[in-house]
Amino acid sequence: MSGAGAGPGAASLTFTTTGAASTRDLARRLAGRLGAGDLLVLDGPLGAGKTTFTQGLGEGLGVRGPVASPTFVISRVHPSEAGGPALVHVDAYRLGGGADIDDLDLDSDLSDAVMVVEWGRDVVEQLSDSHLLVELSRATGAEDAQPEQGTAAGDGEEFDEPRALTLTFVGPRWDDARIRAVREALGDAASTTTTEGREA
């Protein structure tokens, strides 16, 4: 599976979660393998669970909450309460392109924080030579479950349908040892795990 900016040697891990709690748990476990300077690019349709996933990261990083969708403020910084990196949570849905990204000066935040960008695919990859693409979708059999009109169920809301998550590791920060550590941390957090691309 290829991701934004992913070359033929990029490695991917695919998981299926059972609902919101399982999605948060997977992200919480992933957070233990993240550090300052890591950029996560979240991709998926409305209601796929992007904000829910980010909530789990915030819990795992021990940051000040609550973590909620930053749609209208574009970016929120959640300081660590555990002595680790802050979580910078960005919603790129309303951003027009490179100029808007530059105006936010996100690259200055990245070195001291874990940055998560919802709707960030093909928008923010230039901020770093490495990123982790997280693709979320309703798993097979759950595609017809749509959010109620006027809500974004699954993005920060509770949902009980399965979600498919694919993590694609791009760039030199994600060497084989780090990918292996992620796979070990997440191995029993979801029902299925596969690796594509270079051996992880």
N, C-alpha and C. Protein backbone atom coordinates (compact mmCIF):
# COMPACT_ATOMS: atom_id res chain seq x y z
N MET A 1 0.85 -1.18 0.00
CA MET A 1 0.00 0.00 0.00
C MET A 1 0.88 1.23 0.00
N SER A 2 0.61 2.19 -0.84
CA SER A 2 1.42 3.40 -0.89
C SER A 2 0.69 4.52 -0.20
N GLY A 3 1.45 5.37 0.50
CA GLY A 3 0.88 6.52 1.16
C GLY A 3 1.42 7.79 0.56
N ALA A 4 0.99 8.94 1.08
CA ALA A 4 1.46 10.21 0.59
C ALA A 4 2.96 10.30 0.80
N GLY A 5 3.69 10.44 -0.28
CA GLY A 5 5.12 10.55 -0.17
C GLY A 5 5.81 9.23 0.10
N ALA A 6 5.08 8.15 0.14
CA ALA A 6 5.68 6.86 0.44
C ALA A 6 6.31 6.27 -0.81
N GLY A 7 7.56 5.87 -0.68
CA GLY A 7 8.23 5.24 -1.79
C GLY A 7 8.00 3.74 -1.77
N PRO A 8 8.60 3.03 -2.74
CA PRO A 8 8.38 1.59 -2.84
C PRO A 8 8.90 0.82 -1.64
N GLY A 9 9.82 1.44 -0.85
CA GLY A 9 10.35 0.75 0.30
C GLY A 9 9.63 1.05 1.59
N ALA A 10 8.55 1.85 1.53
CA ALA A 10 7.84 2.21 2.76
C ALA A 10 7.17 0.99 3.36
N ALA A 11 7.17 0.92 4.67
CA ALA A 11 6.55 -0.19 5.39
C ALA A 11 5.20 0.25 5.92
N SER A 12 4.24 -0.68 5.94
CA SER A 12 2.91 -0.39 6.45
C SER A 12 2.48 -1.49 7.41
N LEU A 13 1.72 -1.10 8.42
CA LEU A 13 1.05 -2.02 9.32
C LEU A 13 -0.43 -1.73 9.23
N THR A 14 -1.26 -2.77 9.15
CA THR A 14 -2.70 -2.59 9.06
C THR A 14 -3.38 -3.27 10.23
N PHE A 15 -4.32 -2.57 10.83
CA PHE A 15 -5.05 -3.06 11.99
C PHE A 15 -6.55 -2.90 11.77
N THR A 16 -7.32 -3.72 12.46
CA THR A 16 -8.77 -3.53 12.53
C THR A 16 -9.15 -3.39 13.98
N THR A 17 -9.78 -2.27 14.33
CA THR A 17 -10.25 -2.06 15.69
C THR A 17 -11.75 -2.33 15.73
N THR A 18 -12.29 -2.46 16.93
CA THR A 18 -13.69 -2.85 17.07
C THR A 18 -14.62 -1.68 17.34
N GLY A 19 -14.08 -0.51 17.61
CA GLY A 19 -14.91 0.66 17.91
C GLY A 19 -14.06 1.78 18.46
N ALA A 20 -14.71 2.77 19.06
CA ALA A 20 -14.00 3.95 19.54
C ALA A 20 -12.98 3.60 20.62
N ALA A 21 -13.38 2.80 21.60
CA ALA A 21 -12.47 2.47 22.70
C ALA A 21 -11.23 1.73 22.19
N SER A 22 -11.43 0.82 21.26
CA SER A 22 -10.33 0.05 20.68
C SER A 22 -9.41 0.95 19.86
N THR A 23 -10.01 1.91 19.15
CA THR A 23 -9.21 2.85 18.35
C THR A 23 -8.37 3.73 19.26
N ARG A 24 -8.96 4.21 20.36
CA ARG A 24 -8.19 5.01 21.32
C ARG A 24 -7.07 4.18 21.95
N ASP A 25 -7.35 2.92 22.24
CA ASP A 25 -6.35 2.07 22.87
C ASP A 25 -5.16 1.85 21.94
N LEU A 26 -5.43 1.63 20.67
CA LEU A 26 -4.34 1.45 19.72
C LEU A 26 -3.47 2.71 19.67
N ALA A 27 -4.12 3.88 19.62
CA ALA A 27 -3.37 5.14 19.57
C ALA A 27 -2.60 5.37 20.86
N ARG A 28 -3.19 4.99 21.99
CA ARG A 28 -2.52 5.14 23.29
C ARG A 28 -1.23 4.33 23.31
N ARG A 29 -1.29 3.12 22.77
CA ARG A 29 -0.10 2.27 22.72
C ARG A 29 0.94 2.84 21.76
N LEU A 30 0.47 3.37 20.63
CA LEU A 30 1.39 3.98 19.67
C LEU A 30 2.12 5.16 20.30
N ALA A 31 1.42 5.93 21.12
CA ALA A 31 2.01 7.13 21.73
C ALA A 31 3.28 6.81 22.49
N GLY A 32 3.35 5.62 23.07
CA GLY A 32 4.54 5.22 23.80
C GLY A 32 5.77 5.04 22.94
N ARG A 33 5.58 5.00 21.62
CA ARG A 33 6.70 4.85 20.68
C ARG A 33 6.96 6.13 19.90
N LEU A 34 6.33 7.23 20.32
CA LEU A 34 6.50 8.51 19.64
C LEU A 34 7.37 9.44 20.47
N GLY A 35 7.96 10.43 19.80
CA GLY A 35 8.78 11.41 20.50
C GLY A 35 8.71 12.75 19.82
N ALA A 36 9.31 13.75 20.45
CA ALA A 36 9.34 15.09 19.88
C ALA A 36 9.91 15.04 18.47
N GLY A 37 9.26 15.73 17.55
CA GLY A 37 9.69 15.75 16.17
C GLY A 37 8.93 14.81 15.27
N ASP A 38 8.09 13.95 15.84
CA ASP A 38 7.31 13.03 15.02
C ASP A 38 6.09 13.74 14.46
N LEU A 39 5.85 13.55 13.17
CA LEU A 39 4.72 14.13 12.46
C LEU A 39 3.79 13.00 12.03
N LEU A 40 2.53 13.07 12.46
CA LEU A 40 1.52 12.09 12.06
C LEU A 40 0.51 12.79 11.15
N VAL A 41 0.27 12.21 9.99
CA VAL A 41 -0.67 12.75 9.01
C VAL A 41 -1.87 11.83 8.97
N LEU A 42 -3.04 12.33 9.39
CA LEU A 42 -4.25 11.51 9.47
C LEU A 42 -5.11 11.73 8.24
N ASP A 43 -5.53 10.63 7.63
CA ASP A 43 -6.32 10.69 6.41
C ASP A 43 -7.51 9.76 6.54
N GLY A 44 -8.66 10.19 6.08
CA GLY A 44 -9.85 9.35 6.12
C GLY A 44 -11.09 10.20 6.00
N PRO A 45 -12.21 9.62 5.65
CA PRO A 45 -13.44 10.38 5.45
C PRO A 45 -14.01 10.90 6.76
N LEU A 46 -14.96 11.79 6.66
CA LEU A 46 -15.67 12.29 7.83
C LEU A 46 -16.24 11.12 8.63
N GLY A 47 -16.01 11.14 9.93
CA GLY A 47 -16.54 10.08 10.78
C GLY A 47 -15.67 8.85 10.86
N ALA A 48 -14.48 8.87 10.27
CA ALA A 48 -13.62 7.68 10.30
C ALA A 48 -12.98 7.47 11.67
N GLY A 49 -12.88 8.52 12.46
CA GLY A 49 -12.30 8.37 13.79
C GLY A 49 -10.98 9.10 13.99
N LYS A 50 -10.72 10.11 13.19
CA LYS A 50 -9.44 10.82 13.29
C LYS A 50 -9.26 11.50 14.65
N THR A 51 -10.29 12.21 15.12
CA THR A 51 -10.17 12.87 16.41
C THR A 51 -10.17 11.85 17.54
N THR A 52 -10.95 10.79 17.40
CA THR A 52 -10.93 9.71 18.39
C THR A 52 -9.53 9.13 18.52
N PHE A 53 -8.87 8.89 17.40
CA PHE A 53 -7.49 8.40 17.38
C PHE A 53 -6.57 9.38 18.11
N THR A 54 -6.74 10.67 17.83
CA THR A 54 -5.89 11.69 18.44
C THR A 54 -6.12 11.77 19.94
N GLN A 55 -7.35 11.53 20.38
CA GLN A 55 -7.62 11.49 21.82
C GLN A 55 -6.80 10.39 22.50
N GLY A 56 -6.71 9.24 21.85
CA GLY A 56 -5.90 8.16 22.40
C GLY A 56 -4.43 8.53 22.47
N LEU A 57 -3.93 9.23 21.44
CA LEU A 57 -2.54 9.70 21.48
C LEU A 57 -2.32 10.64 22.65
N GLY A 58 -3.28 11.56 22.84
CA GLY A 58 -3.16 12.50 23.96
C GLY A 58 -3.11 11.79 25.30
N GLU A 59 -3.94 10.77 25.46
CA GLU A 59 -3.92 10.00 26.71
C GLU A 59 -2.57 9.31 26.89
N GLY A 60 -2.07 8.73 25.81
CA GLY A 60 -0.80 8.02 25.90
C GLY A 60 0.38 8.93 26.16
N LEU A 61 0.31 10.16 25.65
CA LEU A 61 1.39 11.13 25.86
C LEU A 61 1.26 11.85 27.20
N GLY A 62 0.11 11.71 27.85
CA GLY A 62 -0.10 12.36 29.13
C GLY A 62 -0.23 13.87 29.02
N VAL A 63 -0.95 14.34 27.99
CA VAL A 63 -1.07 15.78 27.80
C VAL A 63 -2.34 16.32 28.45
N ARG A 64 -2.36 17.63 28.64
CA ARG A 64 -3.52 18.30 29.20
C ARG A 64 -4.64 18.30 28.17
N GLY A 65 -5.83 17.90 28.60
CA GLY A 65 -6.96 17.81 27.68
C GLY A 65 -8.01 18.84 28.00
N PRO A 66 -9.20 18.67 27.44
CA PRO A 66 -9.57 17.56 26.56
C PRO A 66 -9.09 17.78 25.13
N VAL A 67 -8.85 16.67 24.44
CA VAL A 67 -8.49 16.73 23.02
C VAL A 67 -9.78 16.69 22.23
N ALA A 68 -10.04 17.73 21.46
CA ALA A 68 -11.24 17.83 20.64
C ALA A 68 -10.83 18.34 19.27
N SER A 69 -11.72 18.19 18.30
CA SER A 69 -11.39 18.62 16.95
C SER A 69 -11.10 20.12 16.91
N PRO A 70 -9.95 20.52 16.34
CA PRO A 70 -9.62 21.95 16.27
C PRO A 70 -10.11 22.61 14.99
N THR A 71 -11.22 22.13 14.42
CA THR A 71 -11.69 22.60 13.12
C THR A 71 -11.73 24.11 13.02
N PHE A 72 -12.26 24.77 14.02
CA PHE A 72 -12.48 26.21 13.90
C PHE A 72 -11.31 27.04 14.37
N VAL A 73 -10.40 26.45 15.16
CA VAL A 73 -9.21 27.19 15.59
C VAL A 73 -7.98 26.74 14.83
N ILE A 74 -8.11 25.76 13.97
CA ILE A 74 -7.05 25.19 13.12
C ILE A 74 -6.02 24.40 13.91
N SER A 75 -5.51 24.96 15.01
CA SER A 75 -4.42 24.30 15.72
C SER A 75 -4.57 24.49 17.23
N ARG A 76 -4.32 23.41 17.98
CA ARG A 76 -4.30 23.47 19.44
C ARG A 76 -3.01 22.82 19.95
N VAL A 77 -2.45 23.39 20.99
CA VAL A 77 -1.28 22.81 21.64
C VAL A 77 -1.71 22.28 23.00
N HIS A 78 -1.44 20.99 23.23
CA HIS A 78 -1.75 20.35 24.51
C HIS A 78 -0.43 20.06 25.22
N PRO A 79 -0.09 20.85 26.25
CA PRO A 79 1.18 20.63 26.96
C PRO A 79 1.19 19.29 27.69
N SER A 80 2.37 18.74 27.83
CA SER A 80 2.52 17.49 28.56
C SER A 80 2.37 17.73 30.06
N GLU A 81 1.71 16.81 30.74
CA GLU A 81 1.65 16.82 32.19
C GLU A 81 2.52 15.70 32.76
N ALA A 82 3.28 15.06 31.87
CA ALA A 82 4.09 13.91 32.28
C ALA A 82 5.57 14.11 31.97
N GLY A 83 5.95 15.34 31.61
CA GLY A 83 7.35 15.61 31.32
C GLY A 83 7.80 15.23 29.93
N GLY A 84 6.85 14.85 29.06
CA GLY A 84 7.18 14.46 27.69
C GLY A 84 6.86 15.57 26.71
N PRO A 85 6.84 15.25 25.43
CA PRO A 85 6.54 16.27 24.42
C PRO A 85 5.08 16.68 24.46
N ALA A 86 4.82 17.91 24.03
CA ALA A 86 3.44 18.39 23.87
C ALA A 86 2.82 17.70 22.67
N LEU A 87 1.51 17.78 22.58
CA LEU A 87 0.78 17.32 21.40
C LEU A 87 0.26 18.55 20.68
N VAL A 88 0.67 18.73 19.42
CA VAL A 88 0.13 19.80 18.58
C VAL A 88 -0.90 19.15 17.66
N HIS A 89 -2.15 19.57 17.78
CA HIS A 89 -3.26 18.96 17.05
C HIS A 89 -3.77 19.97 16.04
N VAL A 90 -3.64 19.63 14.77
CA VAL A 90 -3.98 20.54 13.68
C VAL A 90 -5.09 19.94 12.84
N ASP A 91 -6.03 20.77 12.41
CA ASP A 91 -7.06 20.37 11.45
C ASP A 91 -6.82 21.16 10.18
N ALA A 92 -6.37 20.47 9.13
CA ALA A 92 -6.02 21.14 7.87
C ALA A 92 -7.18 21.23 6.90
N TYR A 93 -8.37 20.84 7.33
CA TYR A 93 -9.51 20.80 6.42
C TYR A 93 -9.77 22.14 5.76
N ARG A 94 -9.63 23.23 6.50
CA ARG A 94 -9.94 24.55 5.97
C ARG A 94 -8.72 25.27 5.40
N LEU A 95 -7.58 24.61 5.39
CA LEU A 95 -6.37 25.25 4.87
C LEU A 95 -6.31 25.11 3.36
N GLY A 96 -5.87 26.16 2.71
CA GLY A 96 -5.89 26.17 1.25
C GLY A 96 -4.66 25.59 0.61
N GLY A 97 -3.54 25.60 1.28
CA GLY A 97 -2.34 25.09 0.65
C GLY A 97 -1.09 25.50 1.40
N GLY A 98 0.04 25.50 0.69
CA GLY A 98 1.33 25.76 1.31
C GLY A 98 1.42 27.08 2.03
N ALA A 99 0.82 28.14 1.45
CA ALA A 99 0.90 29.46 2.08
C ALA A 99 0.23 29.45 3.44
N ASP A 100 -0.93 28.81 3.56
CA ASP A 100 -1.62 28.74 4.83
C ASP A 100 -0.81 27.97 5.86
N ILE A 101 -0.19 26.89 5.43
CA ILE A 101 0.65 26.10 6.34
C ILE A 101 1.81 26.96 6.83
N ASP A 102 2.45 27.71 5.93
CA ASP A 102 3.56 28.57 6.31
C ASP A 102 3.12 29.61 7.32
N ASP A 103 1.92 30.17 7.15
CA ASP A 103 1.42 31.19 8.07
C ASP A 103 1.28 30.65 9.49
N LEU A 104 0.99 29.37 9.63
CA LEU A 104 0.82 28.77 10.96
C LEU A 104 2.15 28.52 11.66
N ASP A 105 3.25 28.55 10.90
CA ASP A 105 4.59 28.35 11.47
C ASP A 105 4.68 27.03 12.24
N LEU A 106 4.10 25.99 11.64
CA LEU A 106 4.05 24.70 12.34
C LEU A 106 5.42 24.06 12.49
N ASP A 107 6.33 24.35 11.55
CA ASP A 107 7.62 23.69 11.63
C ASP A 107 8.39 24.10 12.89
N SER A 108 8.10 25.29 13.44
CA SER A 108 8.78 25.69 14.67
C SER A 108 8.25 24.90 15.87
N ASP A 109 7.00 24.42 15.81
CA ASP A 109 6.43 23.62 16.89
C ASP A 109 6.87 22.17 16.83
N LEU A 110 7.20 21.69 15.64
CA LEU A 110 7.41 20.26 15.44
C LEU A 110 8.59 19.71 16.22
N SER A 111 9.66 20.49 16.34
CA SER A 111 10.87 19.95 16.97
C SER A 111 10.66 19.62 18.45
N ASP A 112 9.69 20.26 19.10
CA ASP A 112 9.48 20.05 20.53
C ASP A 112 8.22 19.27 20.85
N ALA A 113 7.53 18.77 19.83
CA ALA A 113 6.22 18.18 20.06
C ALA A 113 5.98 17.01 19.14
N VAL A 114 4.95 16.24 19.46
CA VAL A 114 4.36 15.30 18.51
C VAL A 114 3.24 16.06 17.81
N MET A 115 3.30 16.13 16.49
CA MET A 115 2.30 16.88 15.73
C MET A 115 1.39 15.92 14.98
N VAL A 116 0.08 16.12 15.15
CA VAL A 116 -0.93 15.31 14.48
C VAL A 116 -1.76 16.25 13.61
N VAL A 117 -1.85 15.94 12.32
CA VAL A 117 -2.58 16.80 11.40
C VAL A 117 -3.71 16.01 10.76
N GLU A 118 -4.95 16.33 11.15
CA GLU A 118 -6.11 15.74 10.50
C GLU A 118 -6.29 16.38 9.12
N TRP A 119 -6.76 15.60 8.16
CA TRP A 119 -6.93 16.06 6.78
C TRP A 119 -5.61 16.59 6.22
N GLY A 120 -4.49 16.00 6.65
CA GLY A 120 -3.19 16.55 6.30
C GLY A 120 -2.52 15.95 5.08
N ARG A 121 -3.12 14.92 4.49
CA ARG A 121 -2.47 14.24 3.37
C ARG A 121 -2.27 15.19 2.19
N ASP A 122 -1.07 15.19 1.64
CA ASP A 122 -0.67 16.05 0.52
C ASP A 122 -0.71 17.52 0.89
N VAL A 123 -0.69 17.84 2.19
CA VAL A 123 -0.74 19.23 2.64
C VAL A 123 0.46 19.58 3.51
N VAL A 124 0.86 18.69 4.41
CA VAL A 124 1.87 19.06 5.41
C VAL A 124 3.13 18.20 5.37
N GLU A 125 3.24 17.29 4.44
CA GLU A 125 4.40 16.39 4.44
C GLU A 125 5.72 17.14 4.30
N GLN A 126 5.68 18.35 3.74
CA GLN A 126 6.91 19.11 3.55
C GLN A 126 7.48 19.65 4.86
N LEU A 127 6.73 19.54 5.95
CA LEU A 127 7.22 20.02 7.24
C LEU A 127 8.38 19.19 7.77
N SER A 128 8.52 17.96 7.30
CA SER A 128 9.55 17.07 7.83
C SER A 128 9.98 16.09 6.74
N ASP A 129 11.19 15.56 6.87
CA ASP A 129 11.63 14.55 5.92
C ASP A 129 11.06 13.17 6.26
N SER A 130 10.32 13.09 7.38
CA SER A 130 9.72 11.83 7.80
C SER A 130 8.32 12.10 8.33
N HIS A 131 7.43 11.16 8.11
CA HIS A 131 6.11 11.26 8.73
C HIS A 131 5.50 9.87 8.82
N LEU A 132 4.47 9.79 9.64
CA LEU A 132 3.69 8.56 9.77
C LEU A 132 2.30 8.85 9.24
N LEU A 133 1.95 8.22 8.13
CA LEU A 133 0.62 8.38 7.54
C LEU A 133 -0.31 7.39 8.20
N VAL A 134 -1.41 7.90 8.78
CA VAL A 134 -2.40 7.06 9.43
C VAL A 134 -3.70 7.18 8.63
N GLU A 135 -4.05 6.10 7.93
CA GLU A 135 -5.28 6.09 7.13
C GLU A 135 -6.36 5.34 7.90
N LEU A 136 -7.49 6.00 8.11
CA LEU A 136 -8.60 5.41 8.85
C LEU A 136 -9.81 5.30 7.94
N SER A 137 -10.52 4.19 8.05
CA SER A 137 -11.75 4.00 7.28
C SER A 137 -12.65 3.04 8.01
N ARG A 138 -13.91 3.05 7.64
CA ARG A 138 -14.83 2.06 8.18
C ARG A 138 -14.44 0.71 7.59
N ALA A 139 -14.30 -0.27 8.45
CA ALA A 139 -13.87 -1.59 8.00
C ALA A 139 -14.97 -2.23 7.16
N THR A 140 -14.62 -3.28 6.44
CA THR A 140 -15.58 -4.00 5.62
C THR A 140 -16.80 -4.37 6.45
N GLY A 141 -17.97 -4.07 5.89
CA GLY A 141 -19.21 -4.35 6.59
C GLY A 141 -19.74 -3.16 7.36
N ALA A 142 -18.90 -2.11 7.49
CA ALA A 142 -19.34 -0.92 8.22
C ALA A 142 -19.42 0.30 7.32
N GLU A 143 -19.20 0.11 6.00
CA GLU A 143 -19.16 1.25 5.09
C GLU A 143 -20.47 2.01 5.01
N ASP A 144 -21.58 1.32 5.24
CA ASP A 144 -22.87 1.97 5.10
C ASP A 144 -23.28 2.74 6.35
N ALA A 145 -22.51 2.62 7.43
CA ALA A 145 -22.85 3.34 8.66
C ALA A 145 -22.37 4.77 8.52
N GLN A 146 -23.30 5.71 8.31
CA GLN A 146 -22.97 7.10 8.09
C GLN A 146 -23.28 7.92 9.33
N PRO A 147 -22.52 9.01 9.57
CA PRO A 147 -22.85 9.86 10.69
C PRO A 147 -24.20 10.51 10.50
N GLU A 148 -24.88 10.81 11.61
CA GLU A 148 -26.14 11.52 11.51
C GLU A 148 -25.89 12.91 10.95
N GLN A 149 -26.87 13.45 10.24
CA GLN A 149 -26.72 14.77 9.65
C GLN A 149 -26.40 15.78 10.74
N GLY A 150 -25.38 16.62 10.46
CA GLY A 150 -25.01 17.66 11.40
C GLY A 150 -24.02 17.20 12.46
N THR A 151 -23.60 15.93 12.43
CA THR A 151 -22.62 15.44 13.39
C THR A 151 -21.45 14.84 12.65
N ALA A 152 -20.39 14.63 13.37
CA ALA A 152 -19.21 13.96 12.82
C ALA A 152 -18.95 12.72 13.65
N ALA A 153 -19.92 11.85 13.74
CA ALA A 153 -19.79 10.65 14.57
C ALA A 153 -18.55 9.88 14.18
N GLY A 154 -17.79 9.48 15.16
CA GLY A 154 -16.54 8.77 14.90
C GLY A 154 -15.34 9.68 15.02
N ASP A 155 -15.51 10.99 14.87
CA ASP A 155 -14.43 11.93 15.10
C ASP A 155 -14.65 12.57 16.46
N GLY A 156 -14.15 11.91 17.48
CA GLY A 156 -14.31 12.38 18.84
C GLY A 156 -15.60 11.89 19.48
N GLU A 157 -16.41 11.15 18.75
CA GLU A 157 -17.66 10.62 19.28
C GLU A 157 -17.48 9.12 19.53
N GLU A 158 -18.42 8.54 20.25
CA GLU A 158 -18.39 7.10 20.46
C GLU A 158 -18.98 6.40 19.23
N PHE A 159 -18.36 5.32 18.82
CA PHE A 159 -18.88 4.52 17.72
C PHE A 159 -18.55 3.08 18.01
N ASP A 160 -19.39 2.17 17.52
CA ASP A 160 -19.14 0.76 17.82
C ASP A 160 -18.93 -0.05 16.55
N GLU A 161 -18.68 0.62 15.42
CA GLU A 161 -18.37 -0.12 14.20
C GLU A 161 -16.85 -0.30 14.08
N PRO A 162 -16.44 -1.37 13.42
CA PRO A 162 -15.00 -1.58 13.21
C PRO A 162 -14.38 -0.47 12.38
N ARG A 163 -13.10 -0.23 12.61
CA ARG A 163 -12.32 0.71 11.83
C ARG A 163 -11.06 0.01 11.32
N ALA A 164 -10.71 0.26 10.07
CA ALA A 164 -9.44 -0.21 9.52
C ALA A 164 -8.44 0.93 9.60
N LEU A 165 -7.27 0.66 10.13
CA LEU A 165 -6.21 1.65 10.25
C LEU A 165 -4.95 1.12 9.60
N THR A 166 -4.39 1.90 8.71
CA THR A 166 -3.11 1.54 8.10
C THR A 166 -2.09 2.61 8.46
N LEU A 167 -0.99 2.17 9.05
CA LEU A 167 0.12 3.05 9.40
C LEU A 167 1.22 2.85 8.36
N THR A 168 1.58 3.92 7.65
CA THR A 168 2.65 3.86 6.66
C THR A 168 3.79 4.75 7.13
N PHE A 169 4.96 4.15 7.27
CA PHE A 169 6.13 4.82 7.84
C PHE A 169 7.00 5.38 6.72
N VAL A 170 7.17 6.69 6.70
CA VAL A 170 7.87 7.35 5.59
C VAL A 170 9.06 8.14 6.13
N GLY A 171 10.24 7.90 5.59
CA GLY A 171 11.40 8.72 5.90
C GLY A 171 12.34 8.09 6.91
N PRO A 172 13.51 8.73 7.08
CA PRO A 172 14.59 8.14 7.87
C PRO A 172 14.32 8.03 9.36
N ARG A 173 13.40 8.82 9.92
CA ARG A 173 13.10 8.67 11.36
C ARG A 173 12.51 7.29 11.64
N TRP A 174 11.88 6.70 10.62
CA TRP A 174 11.20 5.42 10.81
C TRP A 174 12.08 4.29 10.27
N ASP A 175 13.14 4.01 11.02
CA ASP A 175 14.01 2.92 10.62
C ASP A 175 13.40 1.59 11.06
N ASP A 176 14.03 0.50 10.68
CA ASP A 176 13.47 -0.82 10.96
C ASP A 176 13.26 -1.06 12.45
N ALA A 177 14.18 -0.56 13.28
CA ALA A 177 14.07 -0.79 14.72
C ALA A 177 12.84 -0.09 15.29
N ARG A 178 12.57 1.13 14.86
CA ARG A 178 11.39 1.86 15.36
C ARG A 178 10.10 1.20 14.88
N ILE A 179 10.08 0.78 13.64
CA ILE A 179 8.88 0.13 13.11
C ILE A 179 8.62 -1.17 13.86
N ARG A 180 9.68 -1.90 14.14
CA ARG A 180 9.55 -3.15 14.89
C ARG A 180 9.00 -2.87 16.29
N ALA A 181 9.46 -1.79 16.93
CA ALA A 181 8.98 -1.42 18.26
C ALA A 181 7.49 -1.07 18.22
N VAL A 182 7.06 -0.37 17.17
CA VAL A 182 5.64 -0.04 17.03
C VAL A 182 4.82 -1.31 16.87
N ARG A 183 5.30 -2.21 16.02
CA ARG A 183 4.55 -3.45 15.79
C ARG A 183 4.43 -4.25 17.08
N GLU A 184 5.50 -4.30 17.88
CA GLU A 184 5.44 -5.02 19.14
C GLU A 184 4.47 -4.36 20.11
N ALA A 185 4.45 -3.02 20.13
CA ALA A 185 3.56 -2.30 21.04
C ALA A 185 2.09 -2.48 20.67
N LEU A 186 1.81 -2.61 19.38
CA LEU A 186 0.43 -2.66 18.91
C LEU A 186 -0.05 -4.07 18.59
N GLY A 187 0.81 -5.05 18.73
CA GLY A 187 0.51 -6.39 18.25
C GLY A 187 -0.80 -6.97 18.71
N ASP A 188 -1.17 -6.77 19.99
CA ASP A 188 -2.41 -7.35 20.47
C ASP A 188 -3.48 -6.28 20.69
N ALA A 189 -3.27 -5.09 20.11
CA ALA A 189 -4.24 -4.01 20.27
C ALA A 189 -5.34 -4.06 19.23
N ALA A 190 -5.21 -4.93 18.25
CA ALA A 190 -6.19 -4.99 17.17
C ALA A 190 -6.28 -6.42 16.67
N SER A 191 -7.27 -6.67 15.85
CA SER A 191 -7.55 -8.05 15.49
C SER A 191 -6.65 -8.59 14.39
N THR A 192 -6.14 -7.74 13.51
CA THR A 192 -5.27 -8.23 12.45
C THR A 192 -4.10 -7.29 12.25
N THR A 193 -2.97 -7.85 11.88
CA THR A 193 -1.78 -7.06 11.61
C THR A 193 -1.10 -7.62 10.37
N THR A 194 -0.76 -6.74 9.44
CA THR A 194 0.00 -7.17 8.27
C THR A 194 1.08 -6.13 8.01
N THR A 195 2.13 -6.56 7.36
CA THR A 195 3.21 -5.65 6.99
C THR A 195 3.42 -5.73 5.49
N GLU A 196 3.52 -4.56 4.87
CA GLU A 196 3.79 -4.47 3.43
C GLU A 196 5.02 -3.62 3.22
N GLY A 197 5.62 -3.72 2.03
CA GLY A 197 6.80 -2.94 1.74
C GLY A 197 8.02 -3.59 2.35
N ARG A 198 8.95 -2.76 2.83
CA ARG A 198 10.18 -3.34 3.38
C ARG A 198 9.85 -4.10 4.65
N GLU A 199 10.67 -5.07 4.96
CA GLU A 199 10.41 -5.88 6.15
C GLU A 199 10.53 -5.04 7.40
N ALA A 200 9.53 -5.16 8.28
CA ALA A 200 9.57 -4.42 9.53
C ALA A 200 9.84 -5.39 10.66
